[in-house]
Amino acid sequence: MQTNPDITKPALSRRAFWDIDLRKLDFDRYPEFTVIRAMERGTSNDIREIFRYYGKDRIRNIVTNSERLLPRAQVISRRLFHLRNSDFKCSTGKLRAMNFSKF
């Protein structure tokens, strides 16, 4: 699903995207990566920018269908979309090992 070509690319911070060149990121090809990274590690401005670019319905669909989501992104999504834990695919079913440490 392509976004509206008249909408400018999101102006995202280096906080969430420290490891990639944002000038080369194809926002239309990798919406899941962009949305999840911004929700998990971005600033409030990053979140506003992805909402402006992708729209509320598309973001809700991405976060609820993600197989892995850091707790910060779940909390933000629950508040923004009035969701329950059971609405997230990553919260239902069998638990998997996560690739991040508590330390």
Protein backbone atom coordinates (compact mmCIF):
# COMPACT_ATOMS: atom_id res chain seq x y z
CA MET A 1 0.00 0.00 0.00
CA GLN A 2 1.56 3.25 -1.12
CA THR A 3 1.23 6.44 0.88
CA ASN A 4 0.07 9.68 -0.71
CA PRO A 5 2.95 10.93 -2.94
CA ASP A 6 2.12 14.55 -2.01
CA ILE A 7 3.04 13.96 1.63
CA THR A 8 6.66 14.75 2.47
CA LYS A 9 8.89 12.12 4.02
CA PRO A 10 8.89 12.04 7.82
CA ALA A 11 11.58 14.08 9.56
CA LEU A 12 12.84 11.52 12.08
CA SER A 13 15.52 11.88 14.72
CA ARG A 14 18.77 9.95 15.00
CA ARG A 15 17.68 8.70 18.45
CA ALA A 16 15.68 5.81 17.02
CA PHE A 17 17.52 5.44 13.73
CA TRP A 18 21.14 5.68 14.83
CA ASP A 19 22.26 2.72 12.76
CA ILE A 20 20.92 3.63 9.31
CA ASP A 21 21.12 6.49 6.83
CA LEU A 22 17.67 8.10 6.93
CA ARG A 23 18.23 9.69 3.52
CA LYS A 24 18.35 6.19 1.99
CA LEU A 25 15.46 4.64 3.95
CA ASP A 26 12.51 3.83 1.70
CA PHE A 27 9.54 4.65 3.95
CA ASP A 28 7.04 3.09 1.55
CA ARG A 29 8.93 -0.18 1.24
CA TYR A 30 9.66 -0.65 4.97
CA PRO A 31 6.69 0.75 6.91
CA GLU A 32 6.80 -1.96 9.60
CA PHE A 33 10.46 -1.29 10.39
CA THR A 34 9.93 2.48 10.48
CA VAL A 35 6.80 2.43 12.63
CA ILE A 36 8.04 -0.13 15.12
CA ARG A 37 11.45 1.52 15.52
CA ALA A 38 9.86 4.95 16.04
CA MET A 39 7.35 3.59 18.57
CA GLU A 40 9.99 1.60 20.47
CA ARG A 41 12.84 4.10 20.57
CA GLY A 42 11.77 7.40 19.02
CA THR A 43 10.88 10.79 20.43
CA SER A 44 7.35 12.13 20.65
CA ASN A 45 8.08 14.12 17.48
CA ASP A 46 9.10 10.89 15.69
CA ILE A 47 5.75 9.36 16.63
CA ARG A 48 3.87 12.44 15.39
CA GLU A 49 5.79 12.26 12.11
CA ILE A 50 4.95 8.61 11.47
CA PHE A 51 1.29 9.33 12.24
CA ARG A 52 1.34 12.17 9.74
CA TYR A 53 2.98 10.00 7.09
CA TYR A 54 1.29 6.61 7.52
CA GLY A 55 -2.00 7.46 9.21
CA LYS A 56 -3.61 6.12 12.35
CA ASP A 57 -5.24 3.00 10.86
CA ARG A 58 -2.05 1.74 9.21
CA ILE A 59 0.02 2.26 12.37
CA ARG A 60 -2.55 0.49 14.52
CA ASN A 61 -2.52 -2.45 12.11
CA ILE A 62 1.28 -2.64 12.17
CA VAL A 63 1.68 -2.55 15.97
CA THR A 64 -1.16 -4.98 16.69
CA ASN A 65 0.12 -7.52 14.14
CA SER A 66 3.80 -7.32 15.05
CA GLU A 67 5.27 -10.54 16.42
CA ARG A 68 7.71 -8.66 18.66
CA LEU A 69 7.26 -5.28 20.30
CA LEU A 70 9.20 -3.71 23.14
CA PRO A 71 7.12 -2.81 26.21
CA ARG A 72 7.48 0.94 25.52
CA ALA A 73 5.79 0.57 22.14
CA GLN A 74 2.99 -1.51 23.65
CA VAL A 75 2.32 1.09 26.35
CA ILE A 76 2.27 3.94 23.83
CA SER A 77 0.01 1.95 21.49
CA ARG A 78 -2.39 1.01 24.28
CA ARG A 79 -2.76 4.67 25.24
CA LEU A 80 -3.06 6.04 21.70
CA PHE A 81 -5.46 3.41 20.37
CA HIS A 82 -7.25 2.36 23.61
CA LEU A 83 -6.10 -1.25 23.23
CA ARG A 84 -5.84 -4.18 25.64
CA ASN A 85 -2.89 -6.54 25.93
CA SER A 86 -4.91 -9.22 24.16
CA ASP A 87 -5.19 -6.97 21.08
CA PHE A 88 -1.48 -7.42 20.35
CA LYS A 89 -0.34 -10.47 18.41
CA CYS A 90 2.95 -10.43 20.34
CA SER A 91 1.06 -10.78 23.65
CA THR A 92 -0.97 -13.81 22.65
CA GLY A 93 0.20 -17.33 22.10
CA LYS A 94 3.51 -18.90 22.96
CA LEU A 95 6.23 -16.71 24.44
CA ARG A 96 9.51 -16.55 22.54
CA ALA A 97 12.99 -15.64 23.62
CA MET A 98 13.65 -11.94 23.17
CA ASN A 99 16.89 -10.58 21.75
CA PHE A 100 17.43 -7.88 24.33
CA SER A 101 18.80 -7.88 27.83
CA LYS A 102 17.37 -6.34 30.98
CA PHE A 103 20.79 -4.90 31.78
